[in-house]
Amino acid sequence: MTPATTLADAKTRVAETVDRLADELERISLQIHANPELCFQEHKAAGWLADFLARQGAAVERGVGGLPTAFRATIAGARAPPSRSWPSTMPCRTSATPAGTT
């Protein structure tokens, strides 16, 4: 399989997954917006997001870096990462302002 085919397949899988989860993702987004929390005090939002990722099969580690609102979600792939790599993480910041508003 060529890298271009692999990338195209990955993009297709991501789009299909987002489409499948769109209703729940929107619900969580609106829930976070309806429950604003101060910086580093996003306990509800962090819990909702971590719970969602756990329901999708991710291994969720809470309290990462000594912050009670920080978490790391790891989704196992088809192959193990190289031994010198760190686990993949995606920094995420929540905000009480929905996308497209100021």
N, C-alpha and C. Protein backbone atom coordinates (compact mmCIF):
# COMPACT_ATOMS: atom_id res chain seq x y z
N MET A 1 0.85 -1.18 0.00
CA MET A 1 0.00 0.00 0.00
C MET A 1 0.90 1.24 0.00
N THR A 2 0.63 2.20 -0.85
CA THR A 2 1.44 3.40 -0.94
C THR A 2 1.03 4.39 0.16
N PRO A 3 1.95 5.30 0.53
CA PRO A 3 1.60 6.30 1.55
C PRO A 3 0.37 7.12 1.17
N ALA A 4 0.23 7.45 -0.12
CA ALA A 4 -0.94 8.23 -0.55
C ALA A 4 -2.23 7.46 -0.30
N THR A 5 -2.22 6.17 -0.60
CA THR A 5 -3.40 5.34 -0.35
C THR A 5 -3.68 5.25 1.15
N THR A 6 -2.62 5.08 1.92
CA THR A 6 -2.77 5.01 3.37
C THR A 6 -3.37 6.30 3.91
N LEU A 7 -2.88 7.45 3.45
CA LEU A 7 -3.39 8.74 3.89
C LEU A 7 -4.85 8.92 3.46
N ALA A 8 -5.16 8.57 2.24
CA ALA A 8 -6.53 8.68 1.75
C ALA A 8 -7.47 7.80 2.57
N ASP A 9 -7.03 6.58 2.86
CA ASP A 9 -7.84 5.67 3.67
C ASP A 9 -8.05 6.23 5.07
N ALA A 10 -6.98 6.80 5.64
CA ALA A 10 -7.07 7.38 6.98
C ALA A 10 -8.06 8.55 6.99
N LYS A 11 -7.98 9.41 5.99
CA LYS A 11 -8.90 10.55 5.90
C LYS A 11 -10.35 10.07 5.79
N THR A 12 -10.57 9.04 5.00
CA THR A 12 -11.92 8.49 4.85
C THR A 12 -12.42 7.94 6.17
N ARG A 13 -11.57 7.18 6.87
CA ARG A 13 -11.97 6.61 8.17
C ARG A 13 -12.27 7.70 9.20
N VAL A 14 -11.46 8.77 9.21
CA VAL A 14 -11.70 9.87 10.15
C VAL A 14 -13.04 10.54 9.84
N ALA A 15 -13.30 10.84 8.57
CA ALA A 15 -14.55 11.49 8.18
C ALA A 15 -15.75 10.62 8.54
N GLU A 16 -15.65 9.32 8.30
CA GLU A 16 -16.75 8.41 8.64
C GLU A 16 -16.98 8.36 10.15
N THR A 17 -15.91 8.37 10.91
CA THR A 17 -16.04 8.32 12.37
C THR A 17 -16.66 9.60 12.91
N VAL A 18 -16.22 10.75 12.40
CA VAL A 18 -16.80 12.02 12.84
C VAL A 18 -18.29 12.07 12.49
N ASP A 19 -18.65 11.63 11.29
CA ASP A 19 -20.06 11.58 10.89
C ASP A 19 -20.86 10.69 11.83
N ARG A 20 -20.31 9.54 12.17
CA ARG A 20 -21.01 8.59 13.04
C ARG A 20 -21.21 9.16 14.45
N LEU A 21 -20.25 9.95 14.91
CA LEU A 21 -20.29 10.47 16.28
C LEU A 21 -20.80 11.91 16.37
N ALA A 22 -21.22 12.49 15.24
CA ALA A 22 -21.56 13.91 15.18
C ALA A 22 -22.60 14.33 16.21
N ASP A 23 -23.66 13.57 16.37
CA ASP A 23 -24.70 13.96 17.32
C ASP A 23 -24.17 14.01 18.75
N GLU A 24 -23.39 13.01 19.13
CA GLU A 24 -22.85 13.00 20.49
C GLU A 24 -21.80 14.09 20.68
N LEU A 25 -20.98 14.34 19.67
CA LEU A 25 -19.99 15.41 19.76
C LEU A 25 -20.68 16.77 19.91
N GLU A 26 -21.74 16.98 19.17
CA GLU A 26 -22.48 18.24 19.30
C GLU A 26 -23.12 18.36 20.68
N ARG A 27 -23.67 17.27 21.17
CA ARG A 27 -24.28 17.29 22.51
C ARG A 27 -23.25 17.68 23.56
N ILE A 28 -22.05 17.09 23.49
CA ILE A 28 -21.00 17.41 24.45
C ILE A 28 -20.58 18.88 24.31
N SER A 29 -20.45 19.35 23.08
CA SER A 29 -20.09 20.75 22.84
C SER A 29 -21.10 21.70 23.47
N LEU A 30 -22.37 21.43 23.26
CA LEU A 30 -23.42 22.28 23.84
C LEU A 30 -23.46 22.17 25.36
N GLN A 31 -23.18 20.98 25.88
CA GLN A 31 -23.16 20.77 27.32
C GLN A 31 -22.02 21.58 27.95
N ILE A 32 -20.86 21.58 27.32
CA ILE A 32 -19.73 22.37 27.82
C ILE A 32 -20.06 23.85 27.76
N HIS A 33 -20.66 24.29 26.66
CA HIS A 33 -21.03 25.70 26.51
C HIS A 33 -22.04 26.12 27.58
N ALA A 34 -22.98 25.24 27.92
CA ALA A 34 -24.02 25.57 28.90
C ALA A 34 -23.50 25.54 30.34
N ASN A 35 -22.29 25.03 30.54
CA ASN A 35 -21.72 24.90 31.88
C ASN A 35 -20.31 25.49 31.91
N PRO A 36 -20.17 26.82 31.75
CA PRO A 36 -18.84 27.42 31.70
C PRO A 36 -18.07 27.20 33.00
N GLU A 37 -16.77 26.97 32.83
CA GLU A 37 -15.89 26.75 33.98
C GLU A 37 -14.64 27.60 33.80
N LEU A 38 -14.05 28.01 34.91
CA LEU A 38 -12.85 28.83 34.86
C LEU A 38 -11.63 28.01 34.44
N CYS A 39 -10.62 28.70 33.94
CA CYS A 39 -9.38 28.07 33.52
C CYS A 39 -8.81 27.17 34.62
N PHE A 40 -8.41 25.98 34.26
CA PHE A 40 -7.87 24.96 35.16
C PHE A 40 -8.90 24.47 36.18
N GLN A 41 -10.15 24.83 36.01
CA GLN A 41 -11.23 24.35 36.87
C GLN A 41 -12.31 23.66 36.04
N GLU A 42 -11.93 23.16 34.87
CA GLU A 42 -12.89 22.55 33.94
C GLU A 42 -13.18 21.10 34.31
N HIS A 43 -13.60 20.87 35.53
CA HIS A 43 -13.81 19.50 36.02
C HIS A 43 -14.95 18.80 35.28
N LYS A 44 -16.06 19.50 35.07
CA LYS A 44 -17.18 18.88 34.35
C LYS A 44 -16.79 18.57 32.91
N ALA A 45 -16.23 19.57 32.21
CA ALA A 45 -15.86 19.38 30.80
C ALA A 45 -14.84 18.25 30.65
N ALA A 46 -13.83 18.24 31.50
CA ALA A 46 -12.81 17.19 31.42
C ALA A 46 -13.45 15.82 31.65
N GLY A 47 -14.35 15.74 32.60
CA GLY A 47 -15.03 14.48 32.87
C GLY A 47 -15.87 14.01 31.70
N TRP A 48 -16.63 14.94 31.11
CA TRP A 48 -17.49 14.57 29.96
C TRP A 48 -16.64 14.10 28.78
N LEU A 49 -15.56 14.82 28.50
CA LEU A 49 -14.70 14.47 27.38
C LEU A 49 -13.98 13.14 27.62
N ALA A 50 -13.43 12.95 28.83
CA ALA A 50 -12.74 11.71 29.15
C ALA A 50 -13.70 10.52 29.11
N ASP A 51 -14.90 10.71 29.64
CA ASP A 51 -15.91 9.64 29.61
C ASP A 51 -16.28 9.28 28.17
N PHE A 52 -16.45 10.30 27.32
CA PHE A 52 -16.77 10.06 25.91
C PHE A 52 -15.67 9.24 25.25
N LEU A 53 -14.42 9.64 25.45
CA LEU A 53 -13.31 8.91 24.84
C LEU A 53 -13.22 7.48 25.37
N ALA A 54 -13.48 7.29 26.65
CA ALA A 54 -13.47 5.93 27.22
C ALA A 54 -14.56 5.07 26.57
N ARG A 55 -15.74 5.66 26.34
CA ARG A 55 -16.82 4.91 25.67
C ARG A 55 -16.44 4.53 24.25
N GLN A 56 -15.53 5.28 23.64
CA GLN A 56 -15.08 4.97 22.28
C GLN A 56 -13.94 3.96 22.28
N GLY A 57 -13.54 3.51 23.45
CA GLY A 57 -12.52 2.48 23.54
C GLY A 57 -11.13 2.98 23.89
N ALA A 58 -10.99 4.25 24.18
CA ALA A 58 -9.67 4.78 24.56
C ALA A 58 -9.35 4.43 26.01
N ALA A 59 -8.08 4.23 26.25
CA ALA A 59 -7.60 4.08 27.63
C ALA A 59 -7.35 5.49 28.15
N VAL A 60 -8.09 5.90 29.15
CA VAL A 60 -8.03 7.28 29.64
C VAL A 60 -7.29 7.33 30.97
N GLU A 61 -6.29 8.18 31.01
CA GLU A 61 -5.52 8.43 32.23
C GLU A 61 -5.87 9.84 32.68
N ARG A 62 -6.44 9.96 33.87
CA ARG A 62 -6.87 11.27 34.39
C ARG A 62 -5.82 11.85 35.33
N GLY A 63 -5.84 13.16 35.48
CA GLY A 63 -4.91 13.82 36.38
C GLY A 63 -3.49 13.86 35.85
N VAL A 64 -3.33 13.91 34.54
CA VAL A 64 -2.01 13.91 33.90
C VAL A 64 -1.25 15.18 34.29
N GLY A 65 0.04 15.03 34.56
CA GLY A 65 0.88 16.17 34.87
C GLY A 65 0.53 16.84 36.17
N GLY A 66 -0.17 16.14 37.03
CA GLY A 66 -0.54 16.71 38.32
C GLY A 66 -1.72 17.66 38.26
N LEU A 67 -2.37 17.77 37.10
CA LEU A 67 -3.54 18.63 36.98
C LEU A 67 -4.80 17.77 37.01
N PRO A 68 -5.68 18.00 37.95
CA PRO A 68 -6.88 17.17 38.05
C PRO A 68 -7.78 17.24 36.82
N THR A 69 -7.70 18.32 36.05
CA THR A 69 -8.55 18.45 34.87
C THR A 69 -7.87 17.97 33.58
N ALA A 70 -6.62 17.54 33.67
CA ALA A 70 -5.89 17.07 32.49
C ALA A 70 -6.07 15.57 32.34
N PHE A 71 -6.12 15.11 31.09
CA PHE A 71 -6.21 13.67 30.85
C PHE A 71 -5.49 13.32 29.56
N ARG A 72 -5.12 12.06 29.46
CA ARG A 72 -4.52 11.52 28.24
C ARG A 72 -5.38 10.34 27.80
N ALA A 73 -5.77 10.33 26.53
CA ALA A 73 -6.54 9.23 25.98
C ALA A 73 -5.71 8.57 24.91
N THR A 74 -5.52 7.27 25.05
CA THR A 74 -4.72 6.51 24.11
C THR A 74 -5.61 5.49 23.42
N ILE A 75 -5.57 5.50 22.10
CA ILE A 75 -6.34 4.54 21.32
C ILE A 75 -5.34 3.58 20.68
N ALA A 76 -5.48 2.32 20.99
CA ALA A 76 -4.55 1.32 20.47
C ALA A 76 -4.70 1.22 18.95
N GLY A 77 -3.56 1.11 18.28
CA GLY A 77 -3.57 0.97 16.83
C GLY A 77 -3.28 -0.46 16.44
N ALA A 78 -3.17 -0.66 15.15
CA ALA A 78 -2.91 -2.00 14.63
C ALA A 78 -1.47 -2.43 14.91
N ARG A 79 -0.60 -1.47 15.13
CA ARG A 79 0.80 -1.83 15.41
C ARG A 79 1.32 -0.94 16.53
N ALA A 80 2.29 -1.44 17.24
CA ALA A 80 2.87 -0.70 18.36
C ALA A 80 3.74 0.44 17.82
N PRO A 81 3.80 1.58 18.55
CA PRO A 81 4.67 2.66 18.12
C PRO A 81 6.13 2.27 18.32
N PRO A 82 7.05 2.95 17.64
CA PRO A 82 8.47 2.67 17.86
C PRO A 82 8.82 2.83 19.34
N SER A 83 9.78 2.06 19.80
CA SER A 83 10.08 2.03 21.24
C SER A 83 10.57 3.37 21.77
N ARG A 84 11.08 4.24 20.92
CA ARG A 84 11.58 5.53 21.39
C ARG A 84 10.55 6.63 21.32
N SER A 85 9.34 6.33 20.93
CA SER A 85 8.34 7.39 20.80
C SER A 85 7.54 7.53 22.09
N TRP A 86 7.03 8.73 22.29
CA TRP A 86 6.14 8.99 23.42
C TRP A 86 4.72 8.70 22.96
N PRO A 87 3.81 8.41 23.90
CA PRO A 87 2.42 8.20 23.48
C PRO A 87 1.88 9.43 22.77
N SER A 88 1.08 9.22 21.76
CA SER A 88 0.47 10.35 21.05
C SER A 88 -0.57 11.01 21.94
N THR A 89 -0.52 12.31 22.01
CA THR A 89 -1.51 13.06 22.76
C THR A 89 -1.96 14.23 21.92
N MET A 90 -3.17 14.68 22.17
CA MET A 90 -3.69 15.85 21.48
C MET A 90 -4.09 16.85 22.55
N PRO A 91 -3.33 17.94 22.69
CA PRO A 91 -3.74 18.94 23.67
C PRO A 91 -5.12 19.45 23.32
N CYS A 92 -5.91 19.66 24.33
CA CYS A 92 -7.29 20.09 24.11
C CYS A 92 -7.63 21.14 25.13
N ARG A 93 -8.22 22.22 24.68
CA ARG A 93 -8.65 23.28 25.57
C ARG A 93 -10.14 23.44 25.38
N THR A 94 -10.85 23.51 26.48
CA THR A 94 -12.28 23.74 26.38
C THR A 94 -12.56 25.22 26.57
N SER A 95 -13.64 25.67 26.03
CA SER A 95 -14.05 27.06 26.15
C SER A 95 -15.56 27.11 26.20
N ALA A 96 -16.08 28.05 26.95
CA ALA A 96 -17.52 28.19 27.04
C ALA A 96 -18.10 28.92 25.83
N THR A 97 -17.25 29.31 24.90
CA THR A 97 -17.72 30.00 23.70
C THR A 97 -17.77 29.04 22.54
N PRO A 98 -18.93 28.82 21.92
CA PRO A 98 -19.01 27.90 20.79
C PRO A 98 -18.22 28.42 19.60
N ALA A 99 -17.76 27.53 18.78
CA ALA A 99 -17.01 27.90 17.59
C ALA A 99 -17.83 28.87 16.74
N GLY A 100 -17.14 29.85 16.17
CA GLY A 100 -17.79 30.79 15.30
C GLY A 100 -18.42 31.98 16.00
N THR A 101 -18.27 32.05 17.34
CA THR A 101 -18.80 33.20 18.06
C THR A 101 -17.67 33.94 18.72
N THR A 102 -17.91 35.16 19.11
CA THR A 102 -16.88 35.95 19.80
C THR A 102 -17.36 36.40 21.13
